Amino acid sequence: MSIVDMRFHTQTLTSKGRRYHFDSIECYYHFHEKIGGQSKKVWMSNFQNPNEYLDEDHAFIIKSNQIRSPMGEGYAAFKSKYDYDSIFQ
């Protein structure tokens, strides 16, 4: 899969040790449902700093119509709510 906008890049490591890359958080969510929740670890690009990956458990994930994600559902990951508010509020 091509990653068009690195602000939305998401990757997962499955319980079988396979790594998958997605161009958006929502693509990962659809994949996660399809494989029955067998993701072992998930990382998402920090929207403010795409070179930094956030562990899904520590990311502030927002869905907003102000965000234009590649698949159009408006999901993005931030370090905190403050980081989101500093851009979109």
PDB file of N, CA and C in Angstrom:
ATOM      1  N   MET A   1       0.829  -1.174   0.000  1.00  0.00           N
ATOM      2  CA  MET A   1       0.000   0.000   0.000  1.00  0.00           C
ATOM      3  C   MET A   1       0.877   1.242   0.000  1.00  0.00           C
ATOM      4  N   SER A   2       0.523   2.224  -0.797  1.00  0.00           N
ATOM      5  CA  SER A   2       1.239   3.491  -0.839  1.00  0.00           C
ATOM      6  C   SER A   2       0.775   4.390   0.299  1.00  0.00           C
ATOM      7  N   ILE A   3       1.733   5.016   0.947  1.00  0.00           N
ATOM      8  CA  ILE A   3       1.418   5.971   2.004  1.00  0.00           C
ATOM      9  C   ILE A   3       1.518   7.351   1.369  1.00  0.00           C
ATOM     10  N   VAL A   4       0.380   7.982   1.158  1.00  0.00           N
ATOM     11  CA  VAL A   4       0.324   9.271   0.467  1.00  0.00           C
ATOM     12  C   VAL A   4       0.635  10.418   1.419  1.00  0.00           C
ATOM     13  N   ASP A   5       0.072  10.395   2.603  1.00  0.00           N
ATOM     14  CA  ASP A   5       0.245  11.467   3.580  1.00  0.00           C
ATOM     15  C   ASP A   5       0.709  10.845   4.892  1.00  0.00           C
ATOM     16  N   MET A   6       1.970  11.062   5.235  1.00  0.00           N
ATOM     17  CA  MET A   6       2.565  10.417   6.399  1.00  0.00           C
ATOM     18  C   MET A   6       1.921  10.835   7.722  1.00  0.00           C
ATOM     19  N   ARG A   7       1.133  11.898   7.758  1.00  0.00           N
ATOM     20  CA  ARG A   7       0.458  12.305   8.997  1.00  0.00           C
ATOM     21  C   ARG A   7      -0.548  11.261   9.466  1.00  0.00           C
ATOM     22  N   PHE A   8      -0.955  10.364   8.566  1.00  0.00           N
ATOM     23  CA  PHE A   8      -1.985   9.381   8.884  1.00  0.00           C
ATOM     24  C   PHE A   8      -1.472   7.936   8.865  1.00  0.00           C
ATOM     25  N   HIS A   9      -0.184   7.763   8.611  1.00  0.00           N
ATOM     26  CA  HIS A   9       0.397   6.424   8.505  1.00  0.00           C
ATOM     27  C   HIS A   9       0.183   5.642   9.800  1.00  0.00           C
ATOM     28  N   THR A  10      -0.272   4.422   9.662  1.00  0.00           N
ATOM     29  CA  THR A  10      -0.505   3.520  10.796  1.00  0.00           C
ATOM     30  C   THR A  10       0.087   2.165  10.448  1.00  0.00           C
ATOM     31  N   GLN A  11       0.686   1.517  11.434  1.00  0.00           N
ATOM     32  CA  GLN A  11       1.206   0.176  11.198  1.00  0.00           C
ATOM     33  C   GLN A  11       0.883  -0.714  12.383  1.00  0.00           C
ATOM     34  N   THR A  12       0.804  -1.995  12.089  1.00  0.00           N
ATOM     35  CA  THR A  12       0.497  -2.963  13.140  1.00  0.00           C
ATOM     36  C   THR A  12       1.395  -4.181  13.003  1.00  0.00           C
ATOM     37  N   LEU A  13       1.613  -4.802  14.132  1.00  0.00           N
ATOM     38  CA  LEU A  13       2.314  -6.078  14.198  1.00  0.00           C
ATOM     39  C   LEU A  13       1.292  -7.078  14.705  1.00  0.00           C
ATOM     40  N   THR A  14       1.022  -8.110  13.926  1.00  0.00           N
ATOM     41  CA  THR A  14       0.008  -9.092  14.313  1.00  0.00           C
ATOM     42  C   THR A  14       0.590 -10.094  15.307  1.00  0.00           C
ATOM     43  N   SER A  15      -0.279 -10.854  15.901  1.00  0.00           N
ATOM     44  CA  SER A  15       0.159 -11.883  16.845  1.00  0.00           C
ATOM     45  C   SER A  15       0.995 -12.960  16.155  1.00  0.00           C
ATOM     46  N   LYS A  16       0.901 -13.039  14.817  1.00  0.00           N
ATOM     47  CA  LYS A  16       1.713 -13.998  14.052  1.00  0.00           C
ATOM     48  C   LYS A  16       3.044 -13.402  13.603  1.00  0.00           C
ATOM     49  N   GLY A  17       3.310 -12.147  13.984  1.00  0.00           N
ATOM     50  CA  GLY A  17       4.590 -11.516  13.663  1.00  0.00           C
ATOM     51  C   GLY A  17       4.645 -10.812  12.319  1.00  0.00           C
ATOM     52  N   ARG A  18       3.517 -10.632  11.659  1.00  0.00           N
ATOM     53  CA  ARG A  18       3.503  -9.927  10.369  1.00  0.00           C
ATOM     54  C   ARG A  18       3.239  -8.450  10.600  1.00  0.00           C
ATOM     55  N   ARG A  19       3.957  -7.605   9.864  1.00  0.00           N
ATOM     56  CA  ARG A  19       3.788  -6.160   9.972  1.00  0.00           C
ATOM     57  C   ARG A  19       3.017  -5.659   8.754  1.00  0.00           C
ATOM     58  N   TYR A  20       2.005  -4.838   9.012  1.00  0.00           N
ATOM     59  CA  TYR A  20       1.193  -4.244   7.952  1.00  0.00           C
ATOM     60  C   TYR A  20       1.211  -2.733   8.094  1.00  0.00           C
ATOM     61  N   HIS A  21       1.217  -2.049   6.953  1.00  0.00           N
ATOM     62  CA  HIS A  21       1.213  -0.587   6.909  1.00  0.00           C
ATOM     63  C   HIS A  21      -0.084  -0.116   6.263  1.00  0.00           C
ATOM     64  N   PHE A  22      -0.623   0.989   6.768  1.00  0.00           N
ATOM     65  CA  PHE A  22      -1.885   1.536   6.275  1.00  0.00           C
ATOM     66  C   PHE A  22      -1.734   3.026   6.028  1.00  0.00           C
ATOM     67  N   ASP A  23      -2.475   3.532   5.055  1.00  0.00           N
ATOM     68  CA  ASP A  23      -2.398   4.961   4.742  1.00  0.00           C
ATOM     69  C   ASP A  23      -3.312   5.804   5.616  1.00  0.00           C
ATOM     70  N   SER A  24      -4.097   5.160   6.485  1.00  0.00           N
ATOM     71  CA  SER A  24      -4.958   5.904   7.401  1.00  0.00           C
ATOM     72  C   SER A  24      -5.336   5.028   8.595  1.00  0.00           C
ATOM     73  N   ILE A  25      -5.724   5.680   9.654  1.00  0.00           N
ATOM     74  CA  ILE A  25      -6.150   4.961  10.857  1.00  0.00           C
ATOM     75  C   ILE A  25      -7.392   4.139  10.568  1.00  0.00           C
ATOM     76  N   GLU A  26      -8.318   4.701   9.799  1.00  0.00           N
ATOM     77  CA  GLU A  26      -9.552   3.973   9.508  1.00  0.00           C
ATOM     78  C   GLU A  26      -9.294   2.701   8.695  1.00  0.00           C
ATOM     79  N   CYS A  27      -8.287   2.710   7.826  1.00  0.00           N
ATOM     80  CA  CYS A  27      -7.936   1.475   7.102  1.00  0.00           C
ATOM     81  C   CYS A  27      -7.451   0.415   8.078  1.00  0.00           C
ATOM     82  N   TYR A  28      -6.653   0.838   9.068  1.00  0.00           N
ATOM     83  CA  TYR A  28      -6.224  -0.112  10.090  1.00  0.00           C
ATOM     84  C   TYR A  28      -7.433  -0.647  10.864  1.00  0.00           C
ATOM     85  N   TYR A  29      -8.365   0.227  11.250  1.00  0.00           N
ATOM     86  CA  TYR A  29      -9.539  -0.214  12.003  1.00  0.00           C
ATOM     87  C   TYR A  29     -10.325  -1.275  11.233  1.00  0.00           C
ATOM     88  N   HIS A  30     -10.493  -1.081   9.930  1.00  0.00           N
ATOM     89  CA  HIS A  30     -11.223  -2.064   9.112  1.00  0.00           C
ATOM     90  C   HIS A  30     -10.458  -3.390   9.056  1.00  0.00           C
ATOM     91  N   PHE A  31      -9.140  -3.320   8.901  1.00  0.00           N
ATOM     92  CA  PHE A  31      -8.300  -4.512   8.892  1.00  0.00           C
ATOM     93  C   PHE A  31      -8.385  -5.235  10.238  1.00  0.00           C
ATOM     94  N   HIS A  32      -8.317  -4.491  11.321  1.00  0.00           N
ATOM     95  CA  HIS A  32      -8.361  -5.052  12.670  1.00  0.00           C
ATOM     96  C   HIS A  32      -9.652  -5.846  12.887  1.00  0.00           C
ATOM     97  N   GLU A  33     -10.760  -5.302  12.427  1.00  0.00           N
ATOM     98  CA  GLU A  33     -12.040  -6.024  12.523  1.00  0.00           C
ATOM     99  C   GLU A  33     -12.008  -7.302  11.689  1.00  0.00           C
ATOM    100  N   LYS A  34     -11.433  -7.204  10.502  1.00  0.00           N
ATOM    101  CA  LYS A  34     -11.385  -8.343   9.577  1.00  0.00           C
ATOM    102  C   LYS A  34     -10.588  -9.511  10.150  1.00  0.00           C
ATOM    103  N   ILE A  35      -9.476  -9.216  10.846  1.00  0.00           N
ATOM    104  CA  ILE A  35      -8.646 -10.299  11.385  1.00  0.00           C
ATOM    105  C   ILE A  35      -9.062 -10.693  12.805  1.00  0.00           C
ATOM    106  N   GLY A  36     -10.144 -10.128  13.278  1.00  0.00           N
ATOM    107  CA  GLY A  36     -10.664 -10.521  14.591  1.00  0.00           C
ATOM    108  C   GLY A  36      -9.866 -10.002  15.770  1.00  0.00           C
ATOM    109  N   GLY A  37      -9.293  -8.808  15.630  1.00  0.00           N
ATOM    110  CA  GLY A  37      -8.599  -8.183  16.754  1.00  0.00           C
ATOM    111  C   GLY A  37      -7.307  -8.844  17.158  1.00  0.00           C
ATOM    112  N   GLN A  38      -6.565  -9.406  16.216  1.00  0.00           N
ATOM    113  CA  GLN A  38      -5.331 -10.120  16.541  1.00  0.00           C
ATOM    114  C   GLN A  38      -4.081  -9.251  16.422  1.00  0.00           C
ATOM    115  N   SER A  39      -4.232  -7.941  16.544  1.00  0.00           N
ATOM    116  CA  SER A  39      -3.068  -7.059  16.511  1.00  0.00           C
ATOM    117  C   SER A  39      -2.347  -7.121  17.839  1.00  0.00           C
ATOM    118  N   LYS A  40      -1.042  -7.265  17.751  1.00  0.00           N
ATOM    119  CA  LYS A  40      -0.229  -7.345  18.961  1.00  0.00           C
ATOM    120  C   LYS A  40       0.218  -5.941  19.384  1.00  0.00           C
ATOM    121  N   LYS A  41       0.574  -5.123  18.397  1.00  0.00           N
ATOM    122  CA  LYS A  41       1.082  -3.774  18.655  1.00  0.00           C
ATOM    123  C   LYS A  41       0.647  -2.876  17.499  1.00  0.00           C
ATOM    124  N   VAL A  42       0.336  -1.609  17.809  1.00  0.00           N
ATOM    125  CA  VAL A  42      -0.102  -0.657  16.783  1.00  0.00           C
ATOM    126  C   VAL A  42       0.598   0.671  17.025  1.00  0.00           C
ATOM    127  N   TRP A  43       1.105   1.270  15.942  1.00  0.00           N
ATOM    128  CA  TRP A  43       1.722   2.586  15.990  1.00  0.00           C
ATOM    129  C   TRP A  43       1.051   3.489  14.967  1.00  0.00           C
ATOM    130  N   MET A  44       0.886   4.749  15.344  1.00  0.00           N
ATOM    131  CA  MET A  44       0.272   5.733  14.459  1.00  0.00           C
ATOM    132  C   MET A  44       1.177   6.952  14.394  1.00  0.00           C
ATOM    133  N   SER A  45       1.256   7.561  13.219  1.00  0.00           N
ATOM    134  CA  SER A  45       2.037   8.785  13.090  1.00  0.00           C
ATOM    135  C   SER A  45       1.399   9.898  13.890  1.00  0.00           C
ATOM    136  N   ASN A  46       2.235  10.681  14.536  1.00  0.00           N
ATOM    137  CA  ASN A  46       1.776  11.877  15.223  1.00  0.00           C
ATOM    138  C   ASN A  46       1.406  12.904  14.147  1.00  0.00           C
ATOM    139  N   PHE A  47       0.176  13.350  14.125  1.00  0.00           N
ATOM    140  CA  PHE A  47      -0.302  14.279  13.105  1.00  0.00           C
ATOM    141  C   PHE A  47       0.587  15.517  13.028  1.00  0.00           C
ATOM    142  N   GLN A  48       1.052  16.028  14.179  1.00  0.00           N
ATOM    143  CA  GLN A  48       1.879  17.235  14.205  1.00  0.00           C
ATOM    144  C   GLN A  48       3.330  16.975  13.802  1.00  0.00           C
ATOM    145  N   ASN A  49       3.787  15.775  13.978  1.00  0.00           N
ATOM    146  CA  ASN A  49       5.166  15.418  13.644  1.00  0.00           C
ATOM    147  C   ASN A  49       5.162  14.017  13.046  1.00  0.00           C
ATOM    148  N   PRO A  50       4.926  13.898  11.735  1.00  0.00           N
ATOM    149  CA  PRO A  50       4.773  12.582  11.094  1.00  0.00           C
ATOM    150  C   PRO A  50       5.973  11.648  11.220  1.00  0.00           C
ATOM    151  N   ASN A  51       7.136  12.169  11.608  1.00  0.00           N
ATOM    152  CA  ASN A  51       8.307  11.308  11.796  1.00  0.00           C
ATOM    153  C   ASN A  51       8.302  10.628  13.159  1.00  0.00           C
ATOM    154  N   GLU A  52       7.337  10.964  13.992  1.00  0.00           N
ATOM    155  CA  GLU A  52       7.223  10.385  15.332  1.00  0.00           C
ATOM    156  C   GLU A  52       6.032   9.434  15.372  1.00  0.00           C
ATOM    157  N   TYR A  53       6.255   8.242  15.872  1.00  0.00           N
ATOM    158  CA  TYR A  53       5.170   7.267  15.991  1.00  0.00           C
ATOM    159  C   TYR A  53       4.688   7.195  17.431  1.00  0.00           C
ATOM    160  N   LEU A  54       3.373   7.100  17.572  1.00  0.00           N
ATOM    161  CA  LEU A  54       2.740   7.005  18.881  1.00  0.00           C
ATOM    162  C   LEU A  54       2.166   5.609  19.036  1.00  0.00           C
ATOM    163  N   ASP A  55       2.381   5.019  20.191  1.00  0.00           N
ATOM    164  CA  ASP A  55       1.758   3.743  20.509  1.00  0.00           C
ATOM    165  C   ASP A  55       0.258   3.989  20.636  1.00  0.00           C
ATOM    166  N   GLU A  56      -0.542   3.112  20.062  1.00  0.00           N
ATOM    167  CA  GLU A  56      -1.995   3.298  20.082  1.00  0.00           C
ATOM    168  C   GLU A  56      -2.529   3.501  21.497  1.00  0.00           C
ATOM    169  N   ASP A  57      -1.948   2.813  22.467  1.00  0.00           N
ATOM    170  CA  ASP A  57      -2.414   2.910  23.849  1.00  0.00           C
ATOM    171  C   ASP A  57      -2.158   4.280  24.472  1.00  0.00           C
ATOM    172  N   HIS A  58      -1.232   5.053  23.894  1.00  0.00           N
ATOM    173  CA  HIS A  58      -0.883   6.355  24.462  1.00  0.00           C
ATOM    174  C   HIS A  58      -1.234   7.519  23.535  1.00  0.00           C
ATOM    175  N   ALA A  59      -1.819   7.229  22.419  1.00  0.00           N
ATOM    176  CA  ALA A  59      -2.181   8.281  21.462  1.00  0.00           C
ATOM    177  C   ALA A  59      -3.568   8.839  21.769  1.00  0.00           C
ATOM    178  N   PHE A  60      -3.745  10.111  21.502  1.00  0.00           N
ATOM    179  CA  PHE A  60      -5.057  10.739  21.571  1.00  0.00           C
ATOM    180  C   PHE A  60      -5.607  10.689  20.149  1.00  0.00           C
ATOM    181  N   ILE A  61      -6.570   9.812  19.905  1.00  0.00           N
ATOM    182  CA  ILE A  61      -7.117   9.608  18.558  1.00  0.00           C
ATOM    183  C   ILE A  61      -8.423  10.378  18.448  1.00  0.00           C
ATOM    184  N   ILE A  62      -8.494  11.184  17.430  1.00  0.00           N
ATOM    185  CA  ILE A  62      -9.664  12.044  17.241  1.00  0.00           C
ATOM    186  C   ILE A  62     -10.297  11.755  15.884  1.00  0.00           C
ATOM    187  N   LYS A  63     -11.606  11.872  15.835  1.00  0.00           N
ATOM    188  CA  LYS A  63     -12.331  11.805  14.567  1.00  0.00           C
ATOM    189  C   LYS A  63     -13.036  13.147  14.424  1.00  0.00           C
ATOM    190  N   SER A  64     -12.717  13.853  13.345  1.00  0.00           N
ATOM    191  CA  SER A  64     -13.239  15.203  13.171  1.00  0.00           C
ATOM    192  C   SER A  64     -13.475  15.494  11.697  1.00  0.00           C
ATOM    193  N   ASN A  65     -14.531  16.252  11.415  1.00  0.00           N
ATOM    194  CA  ASN A  65     -14.768  16.647  10.024  1.00  0.00           C
ATOM    195  C   ASN A  65     -13.811  17.756   9.595  1.00  0.00           C
ATOM    196  N   GLN A  66     -13.001  18.276  10.520  1.00  0.00           N
ATOM    197  CA  GLN A  66     -11.973  19.262  10.183  1.00  0.00           C
ATOM    198  C   GLN A  66     -10.712  18.598   9.631  1.00  0.00           C
ATOM    199  N   ILE A  67     -10.595  17.310   9.816  1.00  0.00           N
ATOM    200  CA  ILE A  67      -9.416  16.568   9.376  1.00  0.00           C
ATOM    201  C   ILE A  67      -9.722  15.862   8.063  1.00  0.00           C
ATOM    202  N   ARG A  68      -8.878  16.045   7.088  1.00  0.00           N
ATOM    203  CA  ARG A  68      -9.046  15.422   5.764  1.00  0.00           C
ATOM    204  C   ARG A  68      -8.079  14.246   5.637  1.00  0.00           C
ATOM    205  N   SER A  69      -8.488  13.110   6.176  1.00  0.00           N
ATOM    206  CA  SER A  69      -7.641  11.915   6.105  1.00  0.00           C
ATOM    207  C   SER A  69      -7.780  11.272   4.723  1.00  0.00           C
ATOM    208  N   PRO A  70      -6.815  10.449   4.329  1.00  0.00           N
ATOM    209  CA  PRO A  70      -6.825   9.864   2.981  1.00  0.00           C
ATOM    210  C   PRO A  70      -8.095   9.097   2.619  1.00  0.00           C
ATOM    211  N   MET A  71      -8.716   8.430   3.585  1.00  0.00           N
ATOM    212  CA  MET A  71      -9.918   7.659   3.289  1.00  0.00           C
ATOM    213  C   MET A  71     -11.195   8.415   3.651  1.00  0.00           C
ATOM    214  N   GLY A  72     -11.055   9.647   4.124  1.00  0.00           N
ATOM    215  CA  GLY A  72     -12.192  10.530   4.316  1.00  0.00           C
ATOM    216  C   GLY A  72     -12.979  10.409   5.606  1.00  0.00           C
ATOM    217  N   GLU A  73     -12.539   9.561   6.546  1.00  0.00           N
ATOM    218  CA  GLU A  73     -13.299   9.419   7.786  1.00  0.00           C
ATOM    219  C   GLU A  73     -12.839  10.378   8.882  1.00  0.00           C
ATOM    220  N   GLY A  74     -11.733  11.073   8.662  1.00  0.00           N
ATOM    221  CA  GLY A  74     -11.310  12.129   9.572  1.00  0.00           C
ATOM    222  C   GLY A  74     -10.622  11.712  10.849  1.00  0.00           C
ATOM    223  N   TYR A  75      -9.937  10.579  10.858  1.00  0.00           N
ATOM    224  CA  TYR A  75      -9.189  10.139  12.039  1.00  0.00           C
ATOM    225  C   TYR A  75      -7.750  10.656  11.981  1.00  0.00           C
ATOM    226  N   ALA A  76      -7.232  11.043  13.157  1.00  0.00           N
ATOM    227  CA  ALA A  76      -5.825  11.434  13.272  1.00  0.00           C
ATOM    228  C   ALA A  76      -5.374  11.156  14.701  1.00  0.00           C
ATOM    229  N   ALA A  77      -4.071  10.965  14.891  1.00  0.00           N
ATOM    230  CA  ALA A  77      -3.496  10.684  16.208  1.00  0.00           C
ATOM    231  C   ALA A  77      -2.636  11.861  16.653  1.00  0.00           C
ATOM    232  N   PHE A  78      -2.773  12.217  17.910  1.00  0.00           N
ATOM    233  CA  PHE A  78      -2.007  13.300  18.526  1.00  0.00           C
ATOM    234  C   PHE A  78      -1.434  12.802  19.839  1.00  0.00           C
ATOM    235  N   LYS A  79      -0.436  13.536  20.366  1.00  0.00           N
ATOM    236  CA  LYS A  79       0.121  13.183  21.670  1.00  0.00           C
ATOM    237  C   LYS A  79      -0.861  13.481  22.791  1.00  0.00           C
ATOM    238  N   SER A  80      -1.674  14.526  22.598  1.00  0.00           N
ATOM    239  CA  SER A  80      -2.605  14.926  23.650  1.00  0.00           C
ATOM    240  C   SER A  80      -3.764  15.716  23.051  1.00  0.00           C
ATOM    241  N   LYS A  81      -4.790  15.933  23.847  1.00  0.00           N
ATOM    242  CA  LYS A  81      -5.915  16.761  23.416  1.00  0.00           C
ATOM    243  C   LYS A  81      -5.440  18.196  23.202  1.00  0.00           C
ATOM    244  N   TYR A  82      -4.500  18.644  24.014  1.00  0.00           N
ATOM    245  CA  TYR A  82      -3.943  19.988  23.880  1.00  0.00           C
ATOM    246  C   TYR A  82      -3.342  20.178  22.476  1.00  0.00           C
ATOM    247  N   ASP A  83      -2.623  19.178  21.984  1.00  0.00           N
ATOM    248  CA  ASP A  83      -2.021  19.269  20.641  1.00  0.00           C
ATOM    249  C   ASP A  83      -3.094  19.395  19.576  1.00  0.00           C
ATOM    250  N   TYR A  84      -4.167  18.642  19.712  1.00  0.00           N
ATOM    251  CA  TYR A  84      -5.281  18.751  18.764  1.00  0.00           C
ATOM    252  C   TYR A  84      -5.905  20.147  18.851  1.00  0.00           C
ATOM    253  N   ASP A  85      -6.191  20.591  20.066  1.00  0.00           N
ATOM    254  CA  ASP A  85      -6.823  21.901  20.263  1.00  0.00           C
ATOM    255  C   ASP A  85      -5.970  23.033  19.730  1.00  0.00           C
ATOM    256  N   SER A  86      -4.654  22.899  19.812  1.00  0.00           N
ATOM    257  CA  SER A  86      -3.765  23.974  19.350  1.00  0.00           C
ATOM    258  C   SER A  86      -3.837  24.168  17.838  1.00  0.00           C
ATOM    259  N   ILE A  87      -4.311  23.174  17.117  1.00  0.00           N
ATOM    260  CA  ILE A  87      -4.432  23.271  15.661  1.00  0.00           C
ATOM    261  C   ILE A  87      -5.856  23.548  15.240  1.00  0.00           C
ATOM    262  N   PHE A  88      -6.817  22.874  15.820  1.00  0.00           N
ATOM    263  CA  PHE A  88      -8.185  22.879  15.292  1.00  0.00           C
ATOM    264  C   PHE A  88      -9.211  23.651  16.124  1.00  0.00           C
ATOM    265  N   GLN A  89      -8.849  24.204  17.245  1.00  0.00           N
ATOM    266  CA  GLN A  89      -9.834  24.948  18.047  1.00  0.00           C
ATOM    267  C   GLN A  89      -9.607  26.423  17.970  1.00  0.00           C
TER     268      GLN A  89
END
